Protein backbone atom coordinates (compact mmCIF):
# COMPACT_ATOMS: atom_id res chain seq x y z
CA MET A 1 19.19 18.50 18.69
CA SER A 2 19.40 15.67 16.35
CA LYS A 3 22.42 14.41 15.01
CA ILE A 4 22.33 12.45 11.50
CA LYS A 5 25.26 11.29 9.91
CA VAL A 6 25.51 10.96 5.85
CA VAL A 7 27.44 8.34 4.43
CA ILE A 8 27.48 8.47 0.50
CA ILE A 9 29.09 5.14 -0.47
CA VAL A 10 29.55 5.24 -4.75
CA PRO A 11 30.42 2.04 -6.27
CA ILE A 12 34.14 2.36 -7.61
CA LEU A 13 35.28 -1.11 -7.21
CA PHE A 14 35.19 -4.20 -9.01
CA LEU A 15 33.45 -2.44 -12.10
CA LEU A 16 32.38 -5.66 -13.74
CA SER A 17 30.54 -6.47 -10.95
CA SER A 18 29.06 -3.17 -10.10
CA LEU A 19 27.65 -2.66 -13.14
CA LEU A 20 25.71 -6.13 -13.38
CA PHE A 21 24.55 -4.92 -10.05
CA GLY A 22 23.40 -1.62 -10.81
CA GLN A 23 21.50 -3.22 -14.38
CA ASN A 24 19.72 -5.41 -11.41
CA ILE A 25 18.63 -2.03 -9.07
CA VAL A 26 17.39 -0.47 -11.99
CA SER A 27 15.35 -3.39 -13.21
CA THR A 28 14.09 -3.17 -9.68
CA PHE A 29 13.35 0.04 -10.14
CA GLN A 30 11.68 -0.05 -13.74
CA ASN A 31 8.91 -2.92 -11.85
CA LEU A 32 8.78 -0.45 -8.61
CA ARG A 33 8.05 2.80 -10.56
CA GLY A 34 4.11 3.10 -10.74
CA SER A 35 3.48 0.71 -8.24
CA SER A 36 1.63 3.58 -5.97
CA VAL A 37 -1.10 3.73 -8.51
CA LYS A 38 -2.52 0.65 -7.31
CA ALA A 39 -4.03 2.38 -4.00
CA ILE A 40 -6.55 3.76 -6.60
CA GLU A 41 -7.92 0.29 -6.51
CA THR A 42 -8.98 0.50 -2.50
CA VAL A 43 -11.38 3.30 -3.33
CA LYS A 44 -12.78 2.66 -6.63
CA ALA A 45 -16.32 1.08 -6.11
CA ASP A 46 -18.07 -1.54 -8.11
CA ILE A 47 -22.32 -1.00 -8.04
CA PRO A 48 -23.57 -3.76 -9.80
CA ASN A 49 -27.34 -2.88 -9.06
CA ARG A 50 -27.19 0.51 -9.36
CA ALA A 51 -30.95 1.03 -9.09
CA ALA A 52 -30.91 -0.76 -5.81
CA PHE A 53 -28.26 1.55 -4.43
CA VAL A 54 -30.12 4.64 -5.35
CA MET A 55 -33.04 3.37 -3.37
CA LEU A 56 -30.94 2.77 -0.58
CA ASN A 57 -29.05 6.30 -0.89
CA PRO A 58 -31.58 8.57 -1.48
CA ASP A 59 -28.96 11.24 -1.64
CA TYR A 60 -28.99 10.35 -5.42
CA PRO A 61 -28.75 13.40 -8.24
CA VAL A 62 -31.23 13.36 -10.72
CA ILE A 63 -29.58 12.97 -14.25
CA PRO A 64 -30.35 12.86 -17.73
CA GLY A 65 -31.08 9.50 -18.86
CA ASP A 66 -32.44 8.25 -15.42
CA THR A 67 -36.09 6.32 -15.60
CA TYR A 68 -38.54 6.45 -13.11
CA GLN A 69 -42.04 4.78 -12.35
CA VAL A 70 -44.33 6.01 -9.96
CA SER A 71 -47.08 3.61 -8.87
CA TYR A 72 -50.77 4.55 -7.61
CA LEU A 73 -54.04 3.83 -6.79
CA TYR A 74 -56.85 4.68 -9.66
CA ASN A 75 -60.79 2.98 -8.98
CA LEU A 76 -58.76 0.67 -6.36
CA LYS A 77 -56.67 -0.44 -9.17
CA THR A 78 -52.42 -0.32 -9.34
CA THR A 79 -51.92 2.70 -12.34
CA ASN A 80 -47.96 2.43 -12.82
CA LEU A 81 -46.75 5.67 -14.79
CA PRO A 82 -42.97 5.71 -16.14
CA PHE A 83 -41.42 8.76 -17.12
CA PHE A 84 -37.40 9.33 -18.98
CA ILE A 85 -35.36 12.20 -17.50
CA ASP A 86 -34.29 14.60 -20.81
CA GLY A 87 -30.90 15.85 -22.27
CA GLU A 88 -32.18 19.11 -20.49
CA GLY A 89 -33.19 17.14 -16.68
CA LYS A 90 -36.96 17.71 -17.73
CA THR A 91 -39.70 15.03 -17.78
CA ASN A 92 -43.02 14.62 -19.06
CA LEU A 93 -45.73 13.26 -16.50
CA SER A 94 -48.36 12.82 -19.26
CA PHE A 95 -51.66 14.32 -17.49
CA PHE A 96 -49.85 15.08 -13.97
CA GLY A 97 -48.12 18.00 -16.39
CA SER A 98 -43.99 18.50 -16.83
CA LEU A 99 -41.12 18.78 -14.41
CA ASP A 100 -37.76 20.60 -14.36
CA THR A 101 -35.67 17.78 -12.30
CA ASN A 102 -32.26 19.82 -12.59
CA GLY A 103 -30.49 19.97 -8.82
CA LEU A 104 -33.02 17.64 -7.73
CA SER A 105 -32.08 14.70 -5.73
CA TYR A 106 -33.29 11.36 -5.57
CA LYS A 107 -35.16 12.53 -2.40
CA GLU A 108 -36.00 15.29 -3.34
CA LEU A 109 -37.86 14.00 -6.86
CA LYS A 110 -40.02 11.29 -4.79
CA VAL A 111 -41.29 14.16 -2.35
CA ILE A 112 -42.72 16.34 -4.87
CA ILE A 113 -44.06 13.37 -7.91
CA GLU A 114 -45.57 11.75 -4.89
CA GLN A 115 -47.29 15.56 -3.66
CA ILE A 116 -48.21 15.92 -7.44
CA VAL A 117 -50.02 12.59 -7.69
CA THR A 118 -52.21 12.76 -4.19
CA ARG A 119 -53.11 16.23 -5.61
CA ALA A 120 -54.62 14.53 -8.43
CA TYR A 121 -56.10 11.57 -6.82
CA PRO A 122 -56.16 11.73 -3.09
CA ASP A 123 -55.92 8.67 -0.66
CA SER A 124 -54.34 7.10 -4.22
CA LEU A 125 -50.40 6.40 -2.27
CA PRO A 126 -48.16 7.08 -5.11
CA GLN A 127 -44.77 5.61 -4.76
CA LEU A 128 -41.99 6.42 -6.89
CA THR A 129 -39.17 4.22 -7.47
CA ILE A 130 -35.92 4.01 -10.27
CA LYS A 131 -35.77 1.85 -12.89
CA SER A 132 -33.07 2.18 -14.57
CA THR A 133 -30.22 4.97 -13.91
CA GLY A 134 -28.68 7.45 -16.83
CA VAL A 135 -25.46 8.54 -18.09
CA PHE A 136 -23.23 11.45 -18.95
CA PRO A 137 -19.76 12.05 -20.49
CA VAL A 138 -16.98 13.48 -18.33
CA ILE A 139 -13.55 14.41 -20.39
CA ILE A 140 -10.82 12.92 -19.10
CA LYS A 141 -7.35 14.52 -19.95
CA GLY A 142 -3.45 14.60 -18.68
CA GLU A 143 -1.16 11.93 -17.71
CA VAL A 144 -3.80 9.29 -18.73
CA SER A 145 -3.32 6.04 -21.27
CA PHE A 146 -5.65 7.38 -23.17
CA PRO A 147 -7.47 10.78 -23.35
CA GLY A 148 -11.09 11.54 -24.19
CA PRO A 149 -14.70 11.18 -22.83
CA ALA A 150 -15.73 8.55 -20.08
CA LYS A 151 -19.14 7.53 -18.75
CA ALA A 152 -20.31 8.65 -15.44
CA TRP A 153 -23.54 8.02 -13.92
CA GLY A 154 -24.71 10.07 -10.86
CA PHE A 155 -23.02 8.46 -8.39
CA SER A 156 -19.77 8.11 -10.06
CA ARG A 157 -16.75 8.85 -8.33
CA LEU A 158 -13.26 10.55 -9.32
CA SER A 159 -11.46 7.38 -8.53
CA ASP A 160 -14.11 5.13 -10.39
CA LEU A 161 -13.39 7.08 -13.99
CA ILE A 162 -9.84 7.41 -14.11
CA ALA A 163 -8.57 4.03 -12.65
CA ASP A 164 -8.20 2.08 -15.47
CA ARG A 165 -6.25 5.39 -17.29
CA MET A 166 -3.87 5.90 -14.86
CA THR A 167 0.24 5.66 -16.24
CA LYS A 168 2.98 4.69 -14.57
CA TYR A 169 3.49 8.44 -13.79
CA SER A 170 -0.04 9.73 -12.95
CA SER A 171 -0.23 11.85 -9.39
CA LEU A 172 -2.84 10.64 -7.02
CA ARG A 173 -1.80 13.89 -4.98
CA ASN A 174 -2.64 16.49 -7.75
CA VAL A 175 -6.15 15.69 -9.58
CA GLU A 176 -8.05 18.50 -10.78
CA VAL A 177 -11.72 18.67 -11.72
CA GLU A 178 -13.09 21.62 -13.61
CA HIS A 179 -17.17 22.29 -13.05
CA ALA A 180 -19.35 23.28 -15.53
CA ASP A 181 -19.43 26.94 -13.75
CA GLY A 182 -15.31 27.33 -14.82
CA SER A 183 -14.78 26.68 -10.76
CA LYS A 184 -11.67 24.32 -10.21
CA GLU A 185 -11.02 22.06 -7.83
CA VAL A 186 -7.79 19.91 -7.08
CA PHE A 187 -8.23 16.26 -4.95
CA ASP A 188 -5.75 14.06 -2.86
CA LEU A 189 -6.87 10.53 -4.17
CA PHE A 190 -3.82 8.93 -1.90
CA GLY A 191 -5.34 10.49 1.12
CA ALA A 192 -8.48 9.07 0.31
CA ALA A 193 -7.64 5.88 0.03
CA LEU A 194 -5.03 6.22 3.05
CA LYS A 195 -7.23 8.06 5.59
CA SER A 196 -11.05 6.53 3.98
CA ASP A 197 -11.68 10.44 3.28
CA ILE A 198 -14.67 10.53 0.56
CA SER A 199 -14.47 14.02 0.60
CA LYS A 200 -10.96 13.70 -1.18
CA ASN A 201 -12.80 11.54 -3.96
CA PRO A 202 -15.82 13.53 -4.72
CA VAL A 203 -19.08 12.64 -6.84
CA ILE A 204 -18.59 13.65 -10.54
CA LYS A 205 -21.53 15.59 -11.88
CA PRO A 206 -22.41 16.78 -15.35
CA GLY A 207 -20.45 19.61 -16.96
CA ASP A 208 -17.07 18.34 -14.41
CA SER A 209 -13.99 17.95 -16.66
CA ILE A 210 -10.89 15.94 -14.95
CA THR A 211 -7.04 16.46 -15.67
CA ILE A 212 -4.79 14.01 -14.37
CA ASN A 213 -0.86 15.27 -13.62
CA ARG A 214 2.01 13.54 -13.47
CA TYR A 215 3.58 12.96 -9.97
CA ASP A 216 6.48 14.64 -8.72
CA ARG A 217 8.25 11.81 -6.76
CA GLU A 218 7.91 8.34 -6.03
CA VAL A 219 9.54 6.42 -3.54
CA TYR A 220 9.07 3.00 -1.73
CA ILE A 221 9.74 2.18 2.06
CA SER A 222 10.19 -1.67 3.24
CA GLY A 223 11.47 -3.32 6.47
CA GLU A 224 10.52 -2.64 9.95
CA VAL A 225 7.76 -0.04 9.46
CA ARG A 226 4.20 -0.53 9.67
CA ARG A 227 2.99 0.16 6.39
CA GLU A 228 5.10 -0.73 3.47
CA GLY A 229 4.95 -0.07 -0.24
CA ALA A 230 5.03 3.08 -2.92
CA PHE A 231 4.26 6.72 -2.02
CA GLN A 232 3.45 9.76 -3.83
CA LEU A 233 5.37 12.52 -2.16
CA LEU A 234 4.43 16.47 -2.42
CA GLU A 235 6.89 18.88 -2.24
CA ASN A 236 7.22 19.64 1.21
CA GLU A 237 7.37 16.57 2.18
CA ASN A 238 10.24 14.58 3.71
CA LEU A 239 11.68 10.96 5.59
CA THR A 240 10.10 12.36 8.46
CA LYS A 241 6.31 12.79 6.87
CA LEU A 242 7.02 9.88 5.04
CA ILE A 243 7.85 7.39 7.90
CA LYS A 244 5.27 9.37 10.51
CA ASN A 245 2.47 9.66 8.27
CA TYR A 246 2.24 7.27 5.61
CA SER A 247 3.95 4.62 6.98
CA ASN A 248 2.28 4.82 10.41
CA GLY A 249 5.60 4.71 12.05
CA LEU A 250 8.47 2.73 12.89
CA THR A 251 8.37 -0.60 14.52
CA LYS A 252 9.56 -2.13 17.91
CA LEU A 253 11.77 -3.85 16.39
CA SER A 254 13.59 -1.35 13.74
CA ASP A 255 17.33 -0.08 14.25
CA SER A 256 16.83 3.30 12.85
CA SER A 257 21.15 3.65 13.25
CA ARG A 258 21.12 1.84 10.34
CA ILE A 259 18.25 3.19 7.98
CA TYR A 260 19.62 3.37 4.29
CA ILE A 261 18.39 4.84 0.89
CA THR A 262 19.57 3.35 -2.71
CA ARG A 263 19.50 5.91 -5.08
CA ILE A 264 19.60 5.49 -8.62
CA ASN A 265 21.82 8.62 -11.25
CA THR A 266 18.94 8.91 -13.76
CA ILE A 267 21.55 10.59 -15.97
CA ASN A 268 23.64 7.90 -16.07
CA GLY A 269 22.48 5.00 -14.24
CA THR A 270 24.67 4.22 -11.23
CA THR A 271 23.58 3.85 -8.12
CA GLU A 272 24.58 4.74 -4.72
CA THR A 273 23.73 3.82 -1.22
CA ILE A 274 23.46 6.55 1.94
CA TYR A 275 23.25 5.38 5.56
CA LEU A 276 21.16 7.43 7.83
CA ASP A 277 22.00 7.53 11.38
CA SER A 278 19.58 9.22 13.78
CA GLU A 279 19.65 9.95 17.60
CA ASN A 280 16.05 10.44 18.19
CA GLY A 281 14.70 9.27 14.61
CA SER A 282 14.27 12.79 13.45
CA PHE A 283 15.19 12.86 10.02
CA GLU A 284 13.83 16.35 9.29
CA SER A 285 16.77 17.35 7.29
CA VAL A 286 16.97 13.89 4.79
CA VAL A 287 15.61 15.39 1.53
CA LEU A 288 14.42 12.29 -0.91
CA GLU A 289 14.46 12.08 -4.42
CA ASP A 290 11.96 10.34 -6.95
CA MET A 291 12.49 6.57 -7.00
CA ASP A 292 14.33 6.55 -3.58
CA MET A 293 14.53 2.90 -1.90
CA ILE A 294 14.32 3.35 1.97
CA VAL A 295 15.12 0.44 3.89
CA VAL A 296 14.59 0.40 7.62
CA PRO A 297 16.46 -2.82 8.92
CA ALA A 298 15.88 -4.89 12.29
CA LYS A 299 17.64 -5.23 14.98
CA THR A 300 17.28 -8.96 15.11
CA SER A 301 19.23 -8.49 11.63
CA SER A 302 22.07 -7.98 13.70
CA LEU A 303 21.37 -11.22 15.90
CA PRO A 304 24.47 -13.89 16.10
CA LEU A 305 23.81 -16.45 13.79
CA VAL A 306 24.06 -20.19 13.64
CA PHE A 307 24.13 -22.55 10.20
CA PHE A 308 21.81 -25.30 9.69
CA GLU A 309 23.77 -27.54 6.82
CA GLY A 310 23.33 -30.38 5.12
CA SER A 311 20.22 -32.54 4.02
CA LEU A 312 17.63 -29.75 4.23
CA GLY A 313 15.01 -29.77 1.75
CA MET A 314 16.05 -32.85 -0.24
CA LYS A 315 13.74 -35.02 -1.60
CA VAL A 316 13.66 -38.94 -1.42
CA GLY A 317 16.11 -39.96 -4.76
CA SER A 318 18.21 -36.41 -5.18
CA THR A 319 21.38 -37.07 -6.32
CA SER A 320 22.62 -33.74 -5.61
CA PRO A 321 26.10 -33.67 -4.32
CA VAL A 322 25.17 -29.77 -2.68
CA SER A 323 24.01 -29.53 0.53
CA ALA A 324 21.72 -26.67 1.97
CA LYS A 325 23.16 -23.99 4.11
CA ILE A 326 20.35 -22.14 6.05
CA PRO A 327 21.55 -19.31 8.62
CA TRP A 328 19.42 -18.86 11.72
CA PRO A 329 19.49 -15.70 14.55
CA ILE A 330 19.93 -17.32 17.76
CA THR A 331 19.27 -15.07 20.89
CA GLU A 332 20.99 -15.56 24.42
CA ASN A 333 20.19 -18.85 25.91
CA GLN A 334 18.72 -20.22 22.93
CA ARG A 335 18.19 -23.92 22.68
CA ILE A 336 18.39 -26.14 19.36
CA SER A 337 15.02 -27.22 19.87
CA THR A 338 13.48 -23.63 19.71
CA ALA A 339 15.82 -23.34 16.25
CA VAL A 340 15.23 -26.42 14.44
CA MET A 341 11.14 -26.76 14.95
CA ASN A 342 10.69 -23.28 13.07
CA LEU A 343 12.96 -24.11 10.31
CA PRO A 344 11.27 -22.79 7.21
CA GLU A 345 8.84 -25.28 5.86
CA GLY A 346 9.59 -28.11 3.91
CA SER A 347 13.27 -28.00 5.29
CA ILE A 348 13.02 -31.55 7.28
CA THR A 349 12.19 -34.10 4.76
CA PRO A 350 12.10 -37.92 5.10
CA VAL A 351 16.42 -37.95 3.48
CA SER A 352 17.12 -36.04 6.54
CA ASP A 353 19.05 -38.17 9.27
CA LEU A 354 17.91 -36.50 12.87
CA LYS A 355 18.85 -39.20 14.83
CA ASN A 356 22.53 -38.69 13.30
CA SER A 357 22.78 -35.02 13.32
CA PHE A 358 25.77 -33.54 15.39
CA ILE A 359 27.46 -29.55 15.63
CA ILE A 360 30.60 -28.54 14.90
CA ARG A 361 31.11 -25.75 17.19
CA ARG A 362 33.55 -23.06 15.94
CA GLY A 363 36.92 -23.56 17.49
CA GLU A 364 36.76 -27.17 19.26
CA ASP A 365 37.82 -30.12 17.30
CA ASN A 366 35.09 -32.64 18.84
CA TYR A 367 31.93 -33.03 17.49
CA ILE A 368 28.84 -32.16 19.71
CA PRO A 369 26.02 -35.51 18.76
CA VAL A 370 22.32 -34.19 19.10
CA ASP A 371 19.37 -36.54 19.03
CA LEU A 372 17.21 -34.09 16.59
CA GLU A 373 14.64 -37.07 16.21
CA LYS A 374 13.98 -37.50 19.68
CA ILE A 375 13.33 -33.54 20.04
CA ILE A 376 11.50 -33.52 17.29
CA TYR A 377 9.50 -36.66 17.27
CA TYR A 378 9.13 -37.61 20.80
CA HIS A 379 10.10 -34.10 22.36
CA ASN A 380 12.84 -35.78 24.11
CA TYR A 381 14.60 -32.25 25.48
CA SER A 382 17.26 -34.40 27.22
CA ASN A 383 19.97 -33.51 24.85
CA ASP A 384 18.85 -29.78 24.03
CA THR A 385 21.87 -27.89 23.77
CA VAL A 386 22.46 -24.23 23.92
CA LEU A 387 23.69 -22.96 20.95
CA MET A 388 26.38 -21.07 20.27
CA GLU A 389 27.28 -17.99 17.89
CA GLY A 390 28.98 -19.96 15.19
CA ASP A 391 27.51 -23.05 15.38
CA ARG A 392 27.39 -25.52 12.49
CA ILE A 393 24.13 -28.16 13.17
CA VAL A 394 25.02 -30.92 10.08
CA ILE A 395 22.07 -32.90 9.28
CA PRO A 396 23.16 -35.75 7.09
CA MET A 397 21.42 -37.25 4.62
CA LYS A 398 20.01 -40.38 4.89
CA LEU A 399 20.36 -42.85 2.10
CA PHE A 400 16.86 -44.81 0.88
CA THR A 401 19.25 -47.58 -0.63
CA VAL A 402 20.81 -51.14 1.24
CA TYR A 403 24.11 -52.34 -0.42
CA VAL A 404 24.37 -55.81 -1.30
CA GLY A 405 27.74 -57.10 -2.28
CA GLY A 406 29.99 -60.27 -1.72
CA SER A 407 29.04 -63.37 -3.81
CA VAL A 408 25.80 -62.16 -5.63
CA GLU A 409 25.25 -61.96 -9.08
CA ALA A 410 24.54 -58.29 -9.35
CA PRO A 411 26.53 -56.47 -6.62
CA ARG A 412 24.86 -53.23 -6.01
CA ALA A 413 23.18 -50.91 -4.11
CA VAL A 414 19.37 -51.67 -4.41
CA PRO A 415 16.30 -49.33 -3.43
CA TYR A 416 15.28 -49.74 0.06
CA ILE A 417 11.73 -51.07 0.72
CA ALA A 418 10.30 -51.09 4.19
CA GLY A 419 9.48 -54.34 6.18
CA LYS A 420 12.17 -56.82 3.75
CA THR A 421 14.71 -58.80 5.14
CA TYR A 422 17.63 -59.93 3.29
CA LEU A 423 16.70 -62.94 1.22
CA GLU A 424 14.44 -60.33 -0.74
CA TYR A 425 17.58 -58.12 -1.37
CA ILE A 426 19.58 -60.62 -2.50
CA GLN A 427 17.15 -61.26 -4.73
CA MET A 428 16.84 -58.11 -6.34
CA ALA A 429 20.78 -58.06 -6.58
CA GLY A 430 20.44 -61.41 -8.88
CA GLY A 431 20.34 -63.70 -6.14
CA PHE A 432 23.26 -65.49 -4.97
CA ASN A 433 26.53 -66.65 -7.05
CA ARG A 434 26.12 -70.52 -6.68
CA ASP A 435 29.27 -70.69 -8.21
CA GLU A 436 30.38 -68.85 -5.33
CA HIS A 437 28.68 -69.71 -2.50
CA ILE A 438 26.29 -72.79 -1.20
CA GLY A 439 23.83 -71.89 1.31
CA SER A 440 22.18 -68.59 2.54
CA SER A 441 25.15 -67.62 5.23
CA VAL A 442 25.34 -63.48 5.06
CA SER A 443 26.87 -60.70 6.89
CA ILE A 444 24.55 -57.95 7.76
CA PHE A 445 25.77 -54.44 9.16
CA ASP A 446 23.83 -51.15 9.59
CA ARG A 447 25.08 -47.54 8.95
CA ASP A 448 27.44 -47.82 11.92
CA GLY A 449 29.09 -51.00 11.30
CA ASN A 450 27.41 -52.88 13.63
CA LYS A 451 26.70 -56.59 12.66
CA HIS A 452 23.16 -58.16 13.05
CA GLY A 453 21.99 -61.48 12.66
CA ARG A 454 19.80 -62.85 9.50
CA ASP A 455 16.45 -62.09 11.24
CA ARG A 456 17.19 -58.38 11.33
CA VAL A 457 14.43 -56.48 9.28
CA ILE A 458 16.64 -54.36 7.36
CA GLN A 459 16.82 -50.77 7.50
CA PRO A 460 18.54 -47.64 5.16
CA GLU A 461 22.35 -47.98 4.43
CA ASP A 462 22.62 -51.23 5.69
CA ARG A 463 24.94 -53.62 4.11
CA ILE A 464 24.51 -57.19 3.11
CA PHE A 465 27.19 -58.89 2.40
CA ALA A 466 27.62 -63.00 0.75
CA PRO A 467 30.53 -64.46 1.69
CA ARG A 468 32.63 -66.87 -0.96
CA ASN A 469 32.18 -70.19 0.93
CA SER A 470 31.62 -72.59 -1.90
CA PRO A 471 34.44 -75.87 -1.81
CA GLU A 472 34.34 -75.80 -5.88
CA TYR A 473 35.36 -71.94 -5.47
CA TYR A 474 38.22 -73.16 -2.91
CA PHE A 475 39.71 -75.48 -5.34
CA ASN A 476 38.97 -73.87 -8.54
CA VAL A 477 40.55 -70.25 -7.47
CA LYS A 478 42.46 -71.03 -4.41
CA MET A 479 43.83 -74.49 -4.01
CA GLY A 480 43.82 -74.67 -8.29
CA THR A 481 46.90 -71.40 -8.18
CA TYR A 482 48.54 -73.56 -5.74
CA VAL A 483 48.61 -77.03 -7.64
CA ILE A 484 48.91 -75.11 -10.94
CA THR A 485 52.34 -73.00 -8.75
CA THR A 486 53.72 -76.39 -7.56
CA ALA A 487 53.79 -78.00 -11.02
CA ALA A 488 55.39 -75.28 -12.48
CA LEU A 489 58.27 -75.62 -9.68
CA LEU A 490 58.25 -79.01 -9.87
CA ALA A 491 58.51 -79.42 -13.78
CA LEU A 492 61.73 -76.50 -13.40
CA ILE A 493 63.35 -78.28 -10.99
CA LEU A 494 63.13 -81.39 -12.98
CA SER A 495 64.71 -79.50 -16.07
CA LEU A 496 67.21 -78.33 -14.23
CA ILE A 497 68.35 -81.72 -13.19
CA ASP A 498 68.18 -82.87 -16.60
CA VAL A 499 70.35 -80.32 -17.56
CA GLN A 500 72.84 -81.42 -14.84
CA ALA A 501 72.97 -85.01 -15.91
CA THR A 502 73.56 -84.29 -19.73
CA TYR A 503 76.87 -81.87 -19.29
CA PHE A 504 78.40 -83.01 -15.93
């Protein structure tokens, strides 16, 4: 026997946060409300060339306003006789007489007309065609945006006439059609849309009137079901019916032990979450209410997580100090190559320093270096680390700048330009300060502190340092200080000697 656990959680803590959350949920409900009505768009027919459609569908019912033409041979010449169906369903065929067309289809009318002409003119090869279709009024009322007559033609189906008059509360499951003889039929347009059953979306006839009722319940289901969306339920339909019949069942990834319903109290606007746990996926006893939101979680949502952090989705020139963080579920023995190659599009950008990435493993002090550049671009999996729950894969940000310092006119970080040498970066920093520097000697270091020669093609984050090597600088700044200090001391000594000679 199925065992169902129902737990209701009502917000009672963090009142301000709960109220804000409730307002967001209400807004979500308001945006979703009435979305089930959109199903009618799938059964609405758009027939731009009605006359051609009738020729291909001889069951078309002849209606007032139709215009036809019969063509036949008379004295070896083609003669055309147009005729019109009047408001009483009758037509005048000139010297062929008149005809009552009520209840006839195009196929039946074609046979009758061609027989009449053949009897009058044997071997005249008559042929009936329809030139234009007529229209007739149909009254629409009930839960509609505006009641009143709509224009129908011989192949207008129920959905065609009411699609643009539905409101957020119109029922697709309970649409009533009253015929000219007083009989009534109820049609389920949702069934017509769901199962492509045109018998539930009938052709409207002259004298029919349509009443659209208000729906009883509309619920929304998402997650691991084969068909998500909004559905209108009839009185005896429950969660099991919704999942099996309307959502086409649960997927293989569904976790039926964690299905939950978000429900709004329409009286006071509070919300609650109802968690359902079924041993065999049966929810016969679960009664759904109007505006319930049912979520079927995936089993994969409880997989262990790792986190990608750092320069993700950042563009060149970005100055934001905030690092992105992307949680990523992993399976047993999943390697970092699988995870990084399936990150959302746009996560890896030119400023992502893949070569210097590393893993911070929970509970360990040492970083694990991992060259993602080899994995992604060179398919070298020699360092393809197996991920563990809680791992943090950090991708640093590569700065597209070069720092120029020391004895230059404007020490600063300058934009990186591919293929340039140190002299071009020195010029971007205003050139050497000739009061402090002679020649063109510099020290060049990469981002890791390794020293390089002057023939190096400068790379992003390199540092170029021009030393203060001018003799004049050393004499004026360094030696000048010593000379002044020595002269001051000598003057002090001489003054002390002079004082001693005077008083002693």
